[in-house]
Amino acid sequence: LHQFRGTGILYTAHFNQKIEAPFTRIDSWTDAHGHFIDNRQHRIEETRERRIKAYEKSLAALK
């Protein structure tokens, strides 16, 4: 997950319950639904902002 460019999502399982990770943790399918469906607009806006910053950075590199 550390190499993934998007938001890392860690589904809680018995073997990783006590692991601290800098990822979004999902404990149930209800949480997964909430993350992907209920928070859809927020994630779209975050992605848009990330892409704009990357575009601006690439333009600055061309100067």
PDB file of N, CA and C in Angstrom:
ATOM      1  N   LEU A   1       0.807  -1.203   0.000  1.00  0.00           N
ATOM      2  CA  LEU A   1       0.000   0.000   0.000  1.00  0.00           C
ATOM      3  C   LEU A   1       0.846   1.260   0.000  1.00  0.00           C
ATOM      4  N   HIS A   2       2.072   1.191   0.505  1.00  0.00           N
ATOM      5  CA  HIS A   2       2.911   2.379   0.552  1.00  0.00           C
ATOM      6  C   HIS A   2       3.246   2.897  -0.846  1.00  0.00           C
ATOM      7  N   GLN A   3       3.259   2.029  -1.857  1.00  0.00           N
ATOM      8  CA  GLN A   3       3.596   2.444  -3.216  1.00  0.00           C
ATOM      9  C   GLN A   3       2.380   2.935  -3.992  1.00  0.00           C
ATOM     10  N   PHE A   4       1.184   2.687  -3.476  1.00  0.00           N
ATOM     11  CA  PHE A   4      -0.058   3.068  -4.132  1.00  0.00           C
ATOM     12  C   PHE A   4      -0.209   4.583  -4.114  1.00  0.00           C
ATOM     13  N   ARG A   5      -0.604   5.182  -5.216  1.00  0.00           N
ATOM     14  CA  ARG A   5      -0.722   6.640  -5.308  1.00  0.00           C
ATOM     15  C   ARG A   5      -2.021   7.174  -4.712  1.00  0.00           C
ATOM     16  N   GLY A   6      -3.043   6.365  -4.639  1.00  0.00           N
ATOM     17  CA  GLY A   6      -4.323   6.824  -4.109  1.00  0.00           C
ATOM     18  C   GLY A   6      -4.391   6.657  -2.605  1.00  0.00           C
ATOM     19  N   THR A   7      -5.582   6.532  -2.115  1.00  0.00           N
ATOM     20  CA  THR A   7      -5.790   6.341  -0.685  1.00  0.00           C
ATOM     21  C   THR A   7      -5.722   4.859  -0.368  1.00  0.00           C
ATOM     22  N   GLY A   8      -4.805   4.475   0.493  1.00  0.00           N
ATOM     23  CA  GLY A   8      -4.693   3.072   0.898  1.00  0.00           C
ATOM     24  C   GLY A   8      -5.820   2.716   1.857  1.00  0.00           C
ATOM     25  N   ILE A   9      -6.419   1.586   1.640  1.00  0.00           N
ATOM     26  CA  ILE A   9      -7.520   1.131   2.490  1.00  0.00           C
ATOM     27  C   ILE A   9      -7.136  -0.224   3.079  1.00  0.00           C
ATOM     28  N   LEU A  10      -7.219  -0.308   4.386  1.00  0.00           N
ATOM     29  CA  LEU A  10      -6.865  -1.538   5.087  1.00  0.00           C
ATOM     30  C   LEU A  10      -8.118  -2.117   5.732  1.00  0.00           C
ATOM     31  N   TYR A  11      -8.532  -3.297   5.272  1.00  0.00           N
ATOM     32  CA  TYR A  11      -9.694  -3.960   5.858  1.00  0.00           C
ATOM     33  C   TYR A  11      -9.215  -4.704   7.107  1.00  0.00           C
ATOM     34  N   THR A  12      -9.826  -4.402   8.230  1.00  0.00           N
ATOM     35  CA  THR A  12      -9.410  -5.006   9.491  1.00  0.00           C
ATOM     36  C   THR A  12      -9.650  -6.513   9.488  1.00  0.00           C
ATOM     37  N   ALA A  13      -8.615  -7.237   9.870  1.00  0.00           N
ATOM     38  CA  ALA A  13      -8.688  -8.699  10.008  1.00  0.00           C
ATOM     39  C   ALA A  13      -7.994  -9.060  11.316  1.00  0.00           C
ATOM     40  N   HIS A  14      -8.158 -10.295  11.752  1.00  0.00           N
ATOM     41  CA  HIS A  14      -7.598 -10.702  13.043  1.00  0.00           C
ATOM     42  C   HIS A  14      -6.083 -10.518  13.117  1.00  0.00           C
ATOM     43  N   PHE A  15      -5.394 -10.635  11.968  1.00  0.00           N
ATOM     44  CA  PHE A  15      -3.937 -10.557  11.983  1.00  0.00           C
ATOM     45  C   PHE A  15      -3.404  -9.124  11.874  1.00  0.00           C
ATOM     46  N   ASN A  16      -4.279  -8.132  11.618  1.00  0.00           N
ATOM     47  CA  ASN A  16      -3.763  -6.766  11.510  1.00  0.00           C
ATOM     48  C   ASN A  16      -4.488  -5.773  12.431  1.00  0.00           C
ATOM     49  N   GLN A  17      -5.230  -6.287  13.385  1.00  0.00           N
ATOM     50  CA  GLN A  17      -6.003  -5.414  14.272  1.00  0.00           C
ATOM     51  C   GLN A  17      -5.129  -4.455  15.070  1.00  0.00           C
ATOM     52  N   LYS A  18      -3.962  -4.891  15.472  1.00  0.00           N
ATOM     53  CA  LYS A  18      -3.121  -4.070  16.340  1.00  0.00           C
ATOM     54  C   LYS A  18      -2.034  -3.310  15.583  1.00  0.00           C
ATOM     55  N   ILE A  19      -2.036  -3.413  14.283  1.00  0.00           N
ATOM     56  CA  ILE A  19      -1.042  -2.734  13.468  1.00  0.00           C
ATOM     57  C   ILE A  19      -1.483  -1.295  13.234  1.00  0.00           C
ATOM     58  N   GLU A  20      -0.584  -0.355  13.540  1.00  0.00           N
ATOM     59  CA  GLU A  20      -0.826   1.050  13.238  1.00  0.00           C
ATOM     60  C   GLU A  20      -0.394   1.290  11.796  1.00  0.00           C
ATOM     61  N   ALA A  21      -1.279   1.811  10.992  1.00  0.00           N
ATOM     62  CA  ALA A  21      -0.961   2.053   9.594  1.00  0.00           C
ATOM     63  C   ALA A  21      -1.518   3.409   9.169  1.00  0.00           C
ATOM     64  N   PRO A  22      -0.813   4.091   8.276  1.00  0.00           N
ATOM     65  CA  PRO A  22      -1.270   5.403   7.821  1.00  0.00           C
ATOM     66  C   PRO A  22      -2.323   5.317   6.714  1.00  0.00           C
ATOM     67  N   PHE A  23      -3.167   4.325   6.784  1.00  0.00           N
ATOM     68  CA  PHE A  23      -4.181   4.096   5.765  1.00  0.00           C
ATOM     69  C   PHE A  23      -5.569   4.227   6.372  1.00  0.00           C
ATOM     70  N   THR A  24      -6.543   4.391   5.512  1.00  0.00           N
ATOM     71  CA  THR A  24      -7.927   4.382   5.962  1.00  0.00           C
ATOM     72  C   THR A  24      -8.259   2.957   6.371  1.00  0.00           C
ATOM     73  N   ARG A  25      -8.752   2.788   7.589  1.00  0.00           N
ATOM     74  CA  ARG A  25      -9.089   1.452   8.086  1.00  0.00           C
ATOM     75  C   ARG A  25     -10.596   1.256   7.967  1.00  0.00           C
ATOM     76  N   ILE A  26     -10.966   0.116   7.420  1.00  0.00           N
ATOM     77  CA  ILE A  26     -12.373  -0.246   7.275  1.00  0.00           C
ATOM     78  C   ILE A  26     -12.607  -1.517   8.077  1.00  0.00           C
ATOM     79  N   ASP A  27     -13.600  -1.450   8.966  1.00  0.00           N
ATOM     80  CA  ASP A  27     -13.860  -2.579   9.873  1.00  0.00           C
ATOM     81  C   ASP A  27     -15.006  -3.480   9.434  1.00  0.00           C
ATOM     82  N   SER A  28     -15.809  -3.034   8.477  1.00  0.00           N
ATOM     83  CA  SER A  28     -16.964  -3.836   8.066  1.00  0.00           C
ATOM     84  C   SER A  28     -17.365  -3.465   6.642  1.00  0.00           C
ATOM     85  N   TRP A  29     -18.267  -4.251   6.081  1.00  0.00           N
ATOM     86  CA  TRP A  29     -18.762  -3.940   4.749  1.00  0.00           C
ATOM     87  C   TRP A  29     -19.608  -2.673   4.779  1.00  0.00           C
ATOM     88  N   THR A  30     -20.211  -2.373   5.908  1.00  0.00           N
ATOM     89  CA  THR A  30     -20.955  -1.121   6.052  1.00  0.00           C
ATOM     90  C   THR A  30     -19.988   0.056   5.945  1.00  0.00           C
ATOM     91  N   ASP A  31     -18.824  -0.069   6.591  1.00  0.00           N
ATOM     92  CA  ASP A  31     -17.797   0.970   6.483  1.00  0.00           C
ATOM     93  C   ASP A  31     -17.323   1.112   5.029  1.00  0.00           C
ATOM     94  N   ALA A  32     -17.155  -0.009   4.348  1.00  0.00           N
ATOM     95  CA  ALA A  32     -16.717   0.021   2.947  1.00  0.00           C
ATOM     96  C   ALA A  32     -17.752   0.756   2.093  1.00  0.00           C
ATOM     97  N   HIS A  33     -19.005   0.457   2.302  1.00  0.00           N
ATOM     98  CA  HIS A  33     -20.081   1.133   1.567  1.00  0.00           C
ATOM     99  C   HIS A  33     -20.033   2.632   1.846  1.00  0.00           C
ATOM    100  N   GLY A  34     -19.876   2.985   3.107  1.00  0.00           N
ATOM    101  CA  GLY A  34     -19.804   4.388   3.470  1.00  0.00           C
ATOM    102  C   GLY A  34     -18.635   5.088   2.805  1.00  0.00           C
ATOM    103  N   HIS A  35     -17.498   4.413   2.762  1.00  0.00           N
ATOM    104  CA  HIS A  35     -16.300   5.000   2.163  1.00  0.00           C
ATOM    105  C   HIS A  35     -16.479   5.213   0.662  1.00  0.00           C
ATOM    106  N   PHE A  36     -16.959   4.197  -0.035  1.00  0.00           N
ATOM    107  CA  PHE A  36     -17.033   4.265  -1.487  1.00  0.00           C
ATOM    108  C   PHE A  36     -18.282   4.965  -2.012  1.00  0.00           C
ATOM    109  N   ILE A  37     -19.386   4.819  -1.330  1.00  0.00           N
ATOM    110  CA  ILE A  37     -20.641   5.381  -1.836  1.00  0.00           C
ATOM    111  C   ILE A  37     -20.991   6.701  -1.157  1.00  0.00           C
ATOM    112  N   ASP A  38     -21.079   6.685   0.173  1.00  0.00           N
ATOM    113  CA  ASP A  38     -21.502   7.885   0.886  1.00  0.00           C
ATOM    114  C   ASP A  38     -20.490   9.026   0.762  1.00  0.00           C
ATOM    115  N   ASN A  39     -19.212   8.723   0.708  1.00  0.00           N
ATOM    116  CA  ASN A  39     -18.163   9.749   0.641  1.00  0.00           C
ATOM    117  C   ASN A  39     -17.682   9.993  -0.782  1.00  0.00           C
ATOM    118  N   ARG A  40     -18.447   9.558  -1.755  1.00  0.00           N
ATOM    119  CA  ARG A  40     -18.034   9.631  -3.161  1.00  0.00           C
ATOM    120  C   ARG A  40     -17.684  11.053  -3.587  1.00  0.00           C
ATOM    121  N   GLN A  41     -18.542  12.014  -3.303  1.00  0.00           N
ATOM    122  CA  GLN A  41     -18.302  13.387  -3.749  1.00  0.00           C
ATOM    123  C   GLN A  41     -17.038  13.963  -3.118  1.00  0.00           C
ATOM    124  N   HIS A  42     -16.816  13.669  -1.857  1.00  0.00           N
ATOM    125  CA  HIS A  42     -15.610  14.146  -1.176  1.00  0.00           C
ATOM    126  C   HIS A  42     -14.356  13.573  -1.838  1.00  0.00           C
ATOM    127  N   ARG A  43     -14.384  12.300  -2.161  1.00  0.00           N
ATOM    128  CA  ARG A  43     -13.224  11.676  -2.803  1.00  0.00           C
ATOM    129  C   ARG A  43     -12.998  12.237  -4.199  1.00  0.00           C
ATOM    130  N   ILE A  44     -14.077  12.562  -4.915  1.00  0.00           N
ATOM    131  CA  ILE A  44     -13.944  13.159  -6.242  1.00  0.00           C
ATOM    132  C   ILE A  44     -13.249  14.517  -6.129  1.00  0.00           C
ATOM    133  N   GLU A  45     -13.643  15.309  -5.153  1.00  0.00           N
ATOM    134  CA  GLU A  45     -13.034  16.620  -4.949  1.00  0.00           C
ATOM    135  C   GLU A  45     -11.560  16.499  -4.555  1.00  0.00           C
ATOM    136  N   GLU A  46     -11.231  15.531  -3.685  1.00  0.00           N
ATOM    137  CA  GLU A  46      -9.834  15.309  -3.308  1.00  0.00           C
ATOM    138  C   GLU A  46      -8.994  14.934  -4.527  1.00  0.00           C
ATOM    139  N   THR A  47      -9.523  14.059  -5.366  1.00  0.00           N
ATOM    140  CA  THR A  47      -8.814  13.626  -6.566  1.00  0.00           C
ATOM    141  C   THR A  47      -8.607  14.805  -7.507  1.00  0.00           C
ATOM    142  N   ARG A  48      -9.627  15.611  -7.665  1.00  0.00           N
ATOM    143  CA  ARG A  48      -9.532  16.788  -8.528  1.00  0.00           C
ATOM    144  C   ARG A  48      -8.424  17.721  -8.029  1.00  0.00           C
ATOM    145  N   GLU A  49      -8.391  17.991  -6.742  1.00  0.00           N
ATOM    146  CA  GLU A  49      -7.369  18.866  -6.168  1.00  0.00           C
ATOM    147  C   GLU A  49      -5.968  18.289  -6.378  1.00  0.00           C
ATOM    148  N   ARG A  50      -5.822  16.970  -6.169  1.00  0.00           N
ATOM    149  CA  ARG A  50      -4.523  16.315  -6.363  1.00  0.00           C
ATOM    150  C   ARG A  50      -4.065  16.440  -7.816  1.00  0.00           C
ATOM    151  N   ARG A  51      -4.997  16.263  -8.747  1.00  0.00           N
ATOM    152  CA  ARG A  51      -4.637  16.345 -10.166  1.00  0.00           C
ATOM    153  C   ARG A  51      -4.264  17.764 -10.575  1.00  0.00           C
ATOM    154  N   ILE A  52      -4.977  18.743 -10.035  1.00  0.00           N
ATOM    155  CA  ILE A  52      -4.647  20.135 -10.338  1.00  0.00           C
ATOM    156  C   ILE A  52      -3.252  20.465  -9.832  1.00  0.00           C
ATOM    157  N   LYS A  53      -2.925  20.036  -8.610  1.00  0.00           N
ATOM    158  CA  LYS A  53      -1.594  20.289  -8.054  1.00  0.00           C
ATOM    159  C   LYS A  53      -0.512  19.621  -8.901  1.00  0.00           C
ATOM    160  N   ALA A  54      -0.759  18.394  -9.335  1.00  0.00           N
ATOM    161  CA  ALA A  54       0.212  17.678 -10.167  1.00  0.00           C
ATOM    162  C   ALA A  54       0.389  18.382 -11.509  1.00  0.00           C
ATOM    163  N   TYR A  55      -0.700  18.875 -12.073  1.00  0.00           N
ATOM    164  CA  TYR A  55      -0.643  19.603 -13.344  1.00  0.00           C
ATOM    165  C   TYR A  55       0.149  20.893 -13.181  1.00  0.00           C
ATOM    166  N   GLU A  56      -0.136  21.637 -12.110  1.00  0.00           N
ATOM    167  CA  GLU A  56       0.578  22.887 -11.853  1.00  0.00           C
ATOM    168  C   GLU A  56       2.071  22.634 -11.629  1.00  0.00           C
ATOM    169  N   LYS A  57       2.381  21.547 -10.951  1.00  0.00           N
ATOM    170  CA  LYS A  57       3.787  21.188 -10.719  1.00  0.00           C
ATOM    171  C   LYS A  57       4.477  20.868 -12.032  1.00  0.00           C
ATOM    172  N   SER A  58       3.796  20.146 -12.913  1.00  0.00           N
ATOM    173  CA  SER A  58       4.406  19.809 -14.214  1.00  0.00           C
ATOM    174  C   SER A  58       4.580  21.058 -15.069  1.00  0.00           C
ATOM    175  N   LEU A  59       3.651  22.015 -14.981  1.00  0.00           N
ATOM    176  CA  LEU A  59       3.802  23.270 -15.720  1.00  0.00           C
ATOM    177  C   LEU A  59       4.993  24.063 -15.193  1.00  0.00           C
ATOM    178  N   ALA A  60       5.146  24.096 -13.880  1.00  0.00           N
ATOM    179  CA  ALA A  60       6.275  24.813 -13.274  1.00  0.00           C
ATOM    180  C   ALA A  60       7.597  24.194 -13.693  1.00  0.00           C
ATOM    181  N   ALA A  61       7.627  22.876 -13.835  1.00  0.00           N
ATOM    182  CA  ALA A  61       8.858  22.192 -14.240  1.00  0.00           C
ATOM    183  C   ALA A  61       9.242  22.532 -15.683  1.00  0.00           C
ATOM    184  N   LEU A  62       8.260  22.893 -16.495  1.00  0.00           N
ATOM    185  CA  LEU A  62       8.540  23.238 -17.890  1.00  0.00           C
ATOM    186  C   LEU A  62       9.145  24.627 -18.045  1.00  0.00           C
ATOM    187  N   LYS A  63       8.965  25.467 -17.043  1.00  0.00           N
ATOM    188  CA  LYS A  63       9.470  26.848 -17.133  1.00  0.00           C
ATOM    189  C   LYS A  63      10.956  26.919 -16.948  1.00  0.00           C
TER     190      LYS A  63
END
